[in-house]
Structures are given as C-alpha cells and as structure tokens.
Amino acid sequence: MTMEKKDELVAKLTPLQYHITQEAGTERPFTGKYNKFYEKGTYICVVCSQELFSSETKYDSGCGWPAFNDVLDQGKVTLHKDPSIPGRVRTEVRCSKCAAHMGHVFEDGPPPTRK
C-alpha cells in the first residue's frame, strides 16, 4: 500500500476499523454495534462500499461478532488460508474489491451452508 493510500484510509476510518480491515485485527467480542443488530438491509464494506451481505443471511452465532451464512454473490469476497494461529489453519474472508479483512469462515453455522 502506498503512503498516500494509507494516509487516505487513516483519515477515513476509525482506528479500530483501520486495524480490522487493513491489519486483519479483531474487535473485542460482544462490543461491536452490529453484533445484535437485526434491521433488514445490506451490509457493505466500510472501506470501499461494496455490498457484501444481506440481513437475510445474518444469524446469532453466539460468538460475539456479526455472523452470516452466505454472501450476496460469491464474487464479492475472496477466501484465503490463514495460518496465523500455530497448529490451526483458518479461512480468512476479504472484500474482493479492496481486500479489506472481513473475518473468518467457520464450519459450525446453520443450514443450508453450515458456514
């Protein structure tokens, strides 16, 4: 990332949003405003405004972070192997338009995807 692009993102995002989206950070569980938020609508990337998730696929996973069992379109996200935890490989989700970190895919979700 160029210094100009970084400065632009630092000015646009809160420090926590920057940490999560650009440094693959994580907010403390049960603290985010969208954890227990269930209004109908579309969730967009905070960095580039690409539409990513529908409220129709949001569910309470009990983990303390917003959870979705599908994306609006498979082309809206990219999946990456994340070996950051020793002895465990997770699947990281990133926005396909700007590569912002969105979270991880787990295999314990509700039907029909179980994701």
C-alpha atoms as a PDB file:
ATOM      1  CA  MET A   1       0.000   0.000   0.000  1.00  0.00           C
ATOM      2  CA  THR A   2       1.325   3.411  -0.891  1.00  0.00           C
ATOM      3  CA  MET A   3       1.793   6.029   1.809  1.00  0.00           C
ATOM      4  CA  GLU A   4      -0.843   8.185   0.097  1.00  0.00           C
ATOM      5  CA  LYS A   5      -3.389   5.350   0.173  1.00  0.00           C
ATOM      6  CA  LYS A   6      -2.579   4.587   3.821  1.00  0.00           C
ATOM      7  CA  ASP A   7      -2.991   8.248   4.808  1.00  0.00           C
ATOM      8  CA  GLU A   8      -6.332   8.341   2.990  1.00  0.00           C
ATOM      9  CA  LEU A   9      -7.587   5.263   4.857  1.00  0.00           C
ATOM     10  CA  VAL A  10      -6.320   6.509   8.228  1.00  0.00           C
ATOM     11  CA  ALA A  11      -8.296   9.724   7.659  1.00  0.00           C
ATOM     12  CA  LYS A  12     -11.444   7.865   6.508  1.00  0.00           C
ATOM     13  CA  LEU A  13     -11.626   5.024   9.048  1.00  0.00           C
ATOM     14  CA  THR A  14     -11.666   4.919  12.825  1.00  0.00           C
ATOM     15  CA  PRO A  15      -8.502   3.423  14.358  1.00  0.00           C
ATOM     16  CA  LEU A  16     -10.412   0.195  15.074  1.00  0.00           C
ATOM     17  CA  GLN A  17     -11.841  -0.006  11.533  1.00  0.00           C
ATOM     18  CA  TYR A  18      -8.347   0.510  10.135  1.00  0.00           C
ATOM     19  CA  HIS A  19      -6.875  -2.159  12.424  1.00  0.00           C
ATOM     20  CA  ILE A  20      -9.535  -4.698  11.470  1.00  0.00           C
ATOM     21  CA  THR A  21      -9.717  -4.076   7.720  1.00  0.00           C
ATOM     22  CA  GLN A  22      -6.063  -3.327   6.958  1.00  0.00           C
ATOM     23  CA  GLU A  23      -4.200  -5.296   9.626  1.00  0.00           C
ATOM     24  CA  ALA A  24      -6.605  -8.271   9.958  1.00  0.00           C
ATOM     25  CA  GLY A  25      -7.338  -7.291  13.537  1.00  0.00           C
ATOM     26  CA  THR A  26     -10.343  -8.240  15.647  1.00  0.00           C
ATOM     27  CA  GLU A  27     -12.597  -6.170  17.868  1.00  0.00           C
ATOM     28  CA  ARG A  28     -13.369  -7.499  21.325  1.00  0.00           C
ATOM     29  CA  PRO A  29     -16.324  -9.917  21.164  1.00  0.00           C
ATOM     30  CA  PHE A  30     -19.768  -8.589  22.123  1.00  0.00           C
ATOM     31  CA  THR A  31     -18.631  -4.948  21.727  1.00  0.00           C
ATOM     32  CA  GLY A  32     -19.430  -4.136  18.081  1.00  0.00           C
ATOM     33  CA  LYS A  33     -22.588  -2.253  17.157  1.00  0.00           C
ATOM     34  CA  TYR A  34     -23.589  -4.875  14.563  1.00  0.00           C
ATOM     35  CA  ASN A  35     -23.346  -7.929  16.837  1.00  0.00           C
ATOM     36  CA  LYS A  36     -27.023  -7.796  17.931  1.00  0.00           C
ATOM     37  CA  PHE A  37     -28.235  -5.613  15.044  1.00  0.00           C
ATOM     38  CA  TYR A  38     -31.052  -7.216  13.023  1.00  0.00           C
ATOM     39  CA  GLU A  39     -32.645  -4.481  10.914  1.00  0.00           C
ATOM     40  CA  LYS A  40     -33.332  -5.518   7.336  1.00  0.00           C
ATOM     41  CA  GLY A  41     -30.814  -4.314   4.789  1.00  0.00           C
ATOM     42  CA  THR A  42     -27.496  -4.832   3.111  1.00  0.00           C
ATOM     43  CA  TYR A  43     -24.127  -4.786   4.832  1.00  0.00           C
ATOM     44  CA  ILE A  44     -21.381  -3.022   2.901  1.00  0.00           C
ATOM     45  CA  CYS A  45     -17.607  -2.858   3.114  1.00  0.00           C
ATOM     46  CA  VAL A  46     -16.617   0.100   5.319  1.00  0.00           C
ATOM     47  CA  VAL A  47     -13.594   0.747   3.072  1.00  0.00           C
ATOM     48  CA  CYS A  48     -14.999   0.671  -0.486  1.00  0.00           C
ATOM     49  CA  SER A  49     -18.814   0.460  -0.003  1.00  0.00           C
ATOM     50  CA  GLN A  50     -19.160  -2.779  -1.982  1.00  0.00           C
ATOM     51  CA  GLU A  51     -22.352  -4.627  -0.991  1.00  0.00           C
ATOM     52  CA  LEU A  52     -21.345  -7.878   0.707  1.00  0.00           C
ATOM     53  CA  PHE A  53     -24.008  -9.436   2.930  1.00  0.00           C
ATOM     54  CA  SER A  54     -27.784  -9.416   3.327  1.00  0.00           C
ATOM     55  CA  SER A  55     -29.578  -9.226   6.646  1.00  0.00           C
ATOM     56  CA  GLU A  56     -31.478 -12.285   5.387  1.00  0.00           C
ATOM     57  CA  THR A  57     -28.374 -14.440   5.966  1.00  0.00           C
ATOM     58  CA  LYS A  58     -27.323 -12.881   9.295  1.00  0.00           C
ATOM     59  CA  TYR A  59     -27.721 -15.032  12.400  1.00  0.00           C
ATOM     60  CA  ASP A  60     -26.683 -15.035  16.057  1.00  0.00           C
ATOM     61  CA  SER A  61     -23.724 -17.404  16.280  1.00  0.00           C
ATOM     62  CA  GLY A  62     -23.198 -16.640  19.966  1.00  0.00           C
ATOM     63  CA  CYS A  63     -19.532 -15.792  19.300  1.00  0.00           C
ATOM     64  CA  GLY A  64     -19.869 -12.036  19.869  1.00  0.00           C
ATOM     65  CA  TRP A  65     -19.352 -10.915  16.267  1.00  0.00           C
ATOM     66  CA  PRO A  66     -21.791 -10.487  13.387  1.00  0.00           C
ATOM     67  CA  ALA A  67     -22.211 -13.762  11.504  1.00  0.00           C
ATOM     68  CA  PHE A  68     -23.594 -14.510   8.038  1.00  0.00           C
ATOM     69  CA  ASN A  69     -24.041 -17.903   6.427  1.00  0.00           C
ATOM     70  CA  ASP A  70     -23.749 -16.604   2.859  1.00  0.00           C
ATOM     71  CA  VAL A  71     -22.633 -13.603   0.799  1.00  0.00           C
ATOM     72  CA  LEU A  72     -24.700 -11.646  -1.716  1.00  0.00           C
ATOM     73  CA  ASP A  73     -22.569 -13.091  -4.503  1.00  0.00           C
ATOM     74  CA  GLN A  74     -19.520 -15.378  -4.354  1.00  0.00           C
ATOM     75  CA  GLY A  75     -17.552 -12.833  -6.390  1.00  0.00           C
ATOM     76  CA  LYS A  76     -17.952 -10.223  -3.627  1.00  0.00           C
ATOM     77  CA  VAL A  77     -15.391 -11.875  -1.346  1.00  0.00           C
ATOM     78  CA  THR A  78     -12.144 -13.775  -1.651  1.00  0.00           C
ATOM     79  CA  LEU A  79     -11.073 -16.607   0.639  1.00  0.00           C
ATOM     80  CA  HIS A  80      -7.514 -17.066   1.901  1.00  0.00           C
ATOM     81  CA  LYS A  81      -5.708 -19.614   4.079  1.00  0.00           C
ATOM     82  CA  ASP A  82      -4.817 -18.003   7.403  1.00  0.00           C
ATOM     83  CA  PRO A  83      -2.134 -19.905   9.364  1.00  0.00           C
ATOM     84  CA  SER A  84      -1.712 -17.104  11.957  1.00  0.00           C
ATOM     85  CA  ILE A  85      -2.660 -19.394  14.866  1.00  0.00           C
ATOM     86  CA  PRO A  86       0.010 -22.097  15.369  1.00  0.00           C
ATOM     87  CA  GLY A  87      -1.373 -25.564  14.660  1.00  0.00           C
ATOM     88  CA  ARG A  88      -4.586 -24.262  13.096  1.00  0.00           C
ATOM     89  CA  VAL A  89      -5.389 -23.044   9.599  1.00  0.00           C
ATOM     90  CA  ARG A  90      -8.463 -20.852   9.258  1.00  0.00           C
ATOM     91  CA  THR A  91     -10.158 -19.418   6.173  1.00  0.00           C
ATOM     92  CA  GLU A  92      -9.991 -15.638   6.064  1.00  0.00           C
ATOM     93  CA  VAL A  93     -12.653 -13.603   4.208  1.00  0.00           C
ATOM     94  CA  ARG A  94     -11.657 -10.410   2.365  1.00  0.00           C
ATOM     95  CA  CYS A  95     -13.597  -7.936   0.242  1.00  0.00           C
ATOM     96  CA  SER A  96     -12.911  -8.749  -3.423  1.00  0.00           C
ATOM     97  CA  LYS A  97     -12.871  -5.083  -4.420  1.00  0.00           C
ATOM     98  CA  CYS A  98     -10.426  -3.616  -1.873  1.00  0.00           C
ATOM     99  CA  ALA A  99      -9.052  -6.660   0.012  1.00  0.00           C
ATOM    100  CA  ALA A 100     -10.332  -5.425   3.401  1.00  0.00           C
ATOM    101  CA  HIS A 101     -10.365  -8.118   6.083  1.00  0.00           C
ATOM    102  CA  MET A 102     -13.941  -9.176   6.941  1.00  0.00           C
ATOM    103  CA  GLY A 103     -13.375 -12.098   9.300  1.00  0.00           C
ATOM    104  CA  HIS A 104     -13.196 -15.875   9.009  1.00  0.00           C
ATOM    105  CA  VAL A 105     -15.331 -18.763   7.770  1.00  0.00           C
ATOM    106  CA  PHE A 106     -16.204 -21.494  10.251  1.00  0.00           C
ATOM    107  CA  GLU A 107     -17.928 -24.839   9.669  1.00  0.00           C
ATOM    108  CA  ASP A 108     -20.479 -24.637  12.525  1.00  0.00           C
ATOM    109  CA  GLY A 109     -23.147 -22.351  11.046  1.00  0.00           C
ATOM    110  CA  PRO A 110     -26.826 -23.062  10.421  1.00  0.00           C
ATOM    111  CA  PRO A 111     -28.254 -24.899   7.404  1.00  0.00           C
ATOM    112  CA  PRO A 112     -28.154 -24.883   4.483  1.00  0.00           C
ATOM    113  CA  THR A 113     -24.468 -23.864   4.188  1.00  0.00           C
ATOM    114  CA  ARG A 114     -23.257 -24.760   7.705  1.00  0.00           C
ATOM    115  CA  LYS A 115     -20.768 -21.901   7.233  1.00  0.00           C
END
